[in-house]
C-alpha atoms as a PDB file:
ATOM      1  CA  MET A   1       0.078  -0.126  -0.089  1.00  0.00           C
ATOM      2  CA  ALA A   2       1.738   3.128  -1.134  1.00  0.00           C
ATOM      3  CA  ARG A   3       1.225   6.261   0.738  1.00  0.00           C
ATOM      4  CA  ASP A   4       0.602   9.570   0.052  1.00  0.00           C
ATOM      5  CA  PRO A   5       3.704  11.667  -0.397  1.00  0.00           C
ATOM      6  CA  ASN A   6       2.234  14.927   0.333  1.00  0.00           C
ATOM      7  CA  ARG A   7       0.171  13.602   3.432  1.00  0.00           C
ATOM      8  CA  LEU A   8       2.409  15.256   6.094  1.00  0.00           C
ATOM      9  CA  GLU A   9       2.659  18.500   3.773  1.00  0.00           C
ATOM     10  CA  LYS A  10      -1.646  18.366   4.503  1.00  0.00           C
ATOM     11  CA  GLN A  11      -1.253  17.287   7.612  1.00  0.00           C
ATOM     12  CA  ARG A  12       0.836  20.335   8.558  1.00  0.00           C
ATOM     13  CA  LEU A  13      -1.592  22.680   6.749  1.00  0.00           C
ATOM     14  CA  ARG A  14      -4.137  21.597   8.464  1.00  0.00           C
ATOM     15  CA  GLN A  15      -2.717  21.846  11.457  1.00  0.00           C
ATOM     16  CA  ARG A  16      -1.871  25.625  11.212  1.00  0.00           C
ATOM     17  CA  ALA A  17      -5.079  26.210   9.720  1.00  0.00           C
ATOM     18  CA  TYR A  18      -7.050  24.648  12.495  1.00  0.00           C
ATOM     19  CA  ARG A  19      -4.382  26.475  15.474  1.00  0.00           C
ATOM     20  CA  ALA A  20      -4.996  30.178  13.844  1.00  0.00           C
ATOM     21  CA  ARG A  21      -8.464  29.742  13.880  1.00  0.00           C
ATOM     22  CA  LYS A  22      -8.541  28.345  17.561  1.00  0.00           C
ATOM     23  CA  LYS A  23      -6.271  31.518  18.012  1.00  0.00           C
ATOM     24  CA  THR A  24      -9.093  34.132  16.690  1.00  0.00           C
ATOM     25  CA  GLU A  25     -11.391  31.909  18.826  1.00  0.00           C
ATOM     26  CA  GLN A  26     -10.154  33.095  22.195  1.00  0.00           C
ATOM     27  CA  PRO A  27     -11.696  35.887  24.759  1.00  0.00           C
ATOM     28  CA  PRO A  28      -9.419  38.352  25.592  1.00  0.00           C
ATOM     29  CA  THR A  29      -7.700  37.305  28.966  1.00  0.00           C
ATOM     30  CA  ASN A  30      -7.532  39.741  31.781  1.00  0.00           C
ATOM     31  CA  GLU A  31      -4.246  41.086  31.208  1.00  0.00           C
ATOM     32  CA  ASN A  32      -5.475  41.816  27.345  1.00  0.00           C
ATOM     33  CA  LEU A  33      -8.741  44.025  29.094  1.00  0.00           C
ATOM     34  CA  ALA A  34      -6.594  45.586  31.510  1.00  0.00           C
ATOM     35  CA  ARG A  35      -4.070  46.697  28.663  1.00  0.00           C
ATOM     36  CA  ALA A  36      -7.945  48.255  26.721  1.00  0.00           C
ATOM     37  CA  VAL A  37      -8.416  49.522  29.506  1.00  0.00           C
ATOM     38  CA  LEU A  38      -5.448  51.724  30.147  1.00  0.00           C
ATOM     39  CA  ASP A  39      -4.542  52.502  26.471  1.00  0.00           C
ATOM     40  CA  ILE A  40      -8.128  54.247  26.518  1.00  0.00           C
ATOM     41  CA  ALA A  41      -7.053  56.450  29.447  1.00  0.00           C
ATOM     42  CA  MET A  42      -4.066  57.297  28.558  1.00  0.00           C
ATOM     43  CA  THR A  43      -4.747  58.103  24.535  1.00  0.00           C
ATOM     44  CA  THR A  44      -8.350  60.127  25.687  1.00  0.00           C
ATOM     45  CA  TYR A  45      -6.755  61.483  28.912  1.00  0.00           C
ATOM     46  CA  LEU A  46      -3.510  63.326  26.944  1.00  0.00           C
ATOM     47  CA  ARG A  47      -5.157  64.029  23.770  1.00  0.00           C
ATOM     48  CA  GLN A  48      -7.479  65.920  26.068  1.00  0.00           C
ATOM     49  CA  GLY A  49      -4.651  67.754  28.150  1.00  0.00           C
ATOM     50  CA  ARG A  50      -6.021  65.733  31.364  1.00  0.00           C
ATOM     51  CA  HIS A  51      -2.815  65.530  32.978  1.00  0.00           C
ATOM     52  CA  PRO A  52      -4.078  66.179  36.426  1.00  0.00           C
ATOM     53  CA  GLU A  53      -6.495  63.272  36.111  1.00  0.00           C
ATOM     54  CA  LEU A  54      -3.877  61.084  34.708  1.00  0.00           C
ATOM     55  CA  LEU A  55      -1.524  61.804  38.001  1.00  0.00           C
ATOM     56  CA  GLU A  56      -4.526  60.550  40.301  1.00  0.00           C
ATOM     57  CA  ILE A  57      -4.621  57.370  38.259  1.00  0.00           C
ATOM     58  CA  GLN A  58      -0.735  57.130  38.602  1.00  0.00           C
ATOM     59  CA  ARG A  59      -0.776  57.341  42.181  1.00  0.00           C
ATOM     60  CA  ARG A  60      -4.226  54.990  43.099  1.00  0.00           C
ATOM     61  CA  ALA A  61      -2.266  52.667  40.838  1.00  0.00           C
ATOM     62  CA  ALA A  62       0.651  53.104  43.337  1.00  0.00           C
ATOM     63  CA  ARG A  63      -1.100  52.975  46.158  1.00  0.00           C
ATOM     64  CA  ARG A  64      -3.012  49.883  45.140  1.00  0.00           C
ATOM     65  CA  LEU A  65       0.443  48.081  43.812  1.00  0.00           C
ATOM     66  CA  GLU A  66       1.977  48.991  47.361  1.00  0.00           C
ATOM     67  CA  SER A  67      -0.345  47.181  49.376  1.00  0.00           C
ATOM     68  CA  ILE A  68       0.653  44.148  47.806  1.00  0.00           C
ATOM     69  CA  GLY A  69       4.602  44.521  47.845  1.00  0.00           C
ATOM     70  CA  PHE A  70       5.474  46.994  45.231  1.00  0.00           C
ATOM     71  CA  GLN A  71       7.517  50.346  45.806  1.00  0.00           C
ATOM     72  CA  ARG A  72       5.624  53.148  45.354  1.00  0.00           C
ATOM     73  CA  GLN A  73       8.635  54.956  43.302  1.00  0.00           C
ATOM     74  CA  GLN A  74       9.497  52.367  40.465  1.00  0.00           C
ATOM     75  CA  THR A  75       5.732  52.240  40.240  1.00  0.00           C
ATOM     76  CA  ALA A  76       6.301  56.254  39.087  1.00  0.00           C
ATOM     77  CA  GLU A  77       8.828  55.979  37.363  1.00  0.00           C
ATOM     78  CA  VAL A  78       7.376  53.215  35.194  1.00  0.00           C
ATOM     79  CA  TRP A  79       4.350  55.053  34.341  1.00  0.00           C
ATOM     80  CA  PHE A  80       6.164  58.119  33.894  1.00  0.00           C
ATOM     81  CA  GLU A  81       8.069  56.412  30.910  1.00  0.00           C
ATOM     82  CA  LEU A  82       4.766  54.588  29.769  1.00  0.00           C
ATOM     83  CA  GLN A  83       3.364  58.287  29.445  1.00  0.00           C
ATOM     84  CA  ALA A  84       6.484  59.509  27.804  1.00  0.00           C
ATOM     85  CA  ARG A  85       5.869  56.878  24.965  1.00  0.00           C
ATOM     86  CA  TYR A  86       2.491  57.485  24.834  1.00  0.00           C
ATOM     87  CA  GLU A  87       2.861  61.017  24.463  1.00  0.00           C
ATOM     88  CA  LYS A  88       5.160  59.649  21.074  1.00  0.00           C
ATOM     89  CA  GLY A  89       2.341  57.783  19.777  1.00  0.00           C
ATOM     90  CA  TRP A  90       3.153  54.474  21.349  1.00  0.00           C
ATOM     91  CA  SER A  91       0.631  51.604  22.291  1.00  0.00           C
ATOM     92  CA  LEU A  92       0.329  49.050  24.613  1.00  0.00           C
ATOM     93  CA  LEU A  93      -2.015  46.942  22.211  1.00  0.00           C
ATOM     94  CA  ARG A  94      -0.773  44.921  19.726  1.00  0.00           C
ATOM     95  CA  GLN A  95      -2.261  43.214  16.538  1.00  0.00           C
ATOM     96  CA  ARG A  96      -2.758  39.369  17.455  1.00  0.00           C
ATOM     97  CA  ALA A  97      -3.143  38.856  13.519  1.00  0.00           C
ATOM     98  CA  PRO A  98      -1.843  40.145  10.819  1.00  0.00           C
ATOM     99  CA  HIS A  99      -4.770  42.895   8.899  1.00  0.00           C
ATOM    100  CA  ALA A 100      -5.606  41.010   5.841  1.00  0.00           C
ATOM    101  CA  GLU A 101      -6.527  37.950   8.365  1.00  0.00           C
ATOM    102  CA  LEU A 102      -8.654  39.620  10.224  1.00  0.00           C
ATOM    103  CA  VAL A 103     -10.731  40.591   7.187  1.00  0.00           C
ATOM    104  CA  ALA A 104     -10.678  37.474   6.247  1.00  0.00           C
ATOM    105  CA  ALA A 105     -12.082  36.055   9.431  1.00  0.00           C
ATOM    106  CA  GLY A 106     -14.781  38.823   8.716  1.00  0.00           C
ATOM    107  CA  LEU A 107     -13.501  40.534  12.380  1.00  0.00           C
ATOM    108  CA  VAL A 108     -12.944  43.659  10.503  1.00  0.00           C
ATOM    109  CA  ASP A 109     -13.660  45.546   7.700  1.00  0.00           C
ATOM    110  CA  ASP A 110     -10.794  46.469   5.168  1.00  0.00           C
ATOM    111  CA  GLU A 111     -10.985  50.122   5.150  1.00  0.00           C
ATOM    112  CA  ASP A 112     -10.274  49.494   9.362  1.00  0.00           C
ATOM    113  CA  ALA A 113      -6.896  50.529   9.914  1.00  0.00           C
END
């Protein structure tokens, strides 16, 4: 009985497609949600010039992190480094899949950037 020489390649392609489909079906994690919330706060407040509100969020986050063992000064340093990056147009959010793949899956419109 002769085996199909392309059998392994076909199996590899099916497995790759299966993994890609499963990845797109996964719900966001708590970390993904937290990143999105912080991204919204940073971009909105910086664009609107609401620096006092951002400073208050930073202080509250520092107190919360201090209560679980982090040093307040280190938290402030990380926050202001992150804020400086956001002021230059950076974002915590990264695309999970190439745009073309999201369009093909019907998750975004072709015009969405």
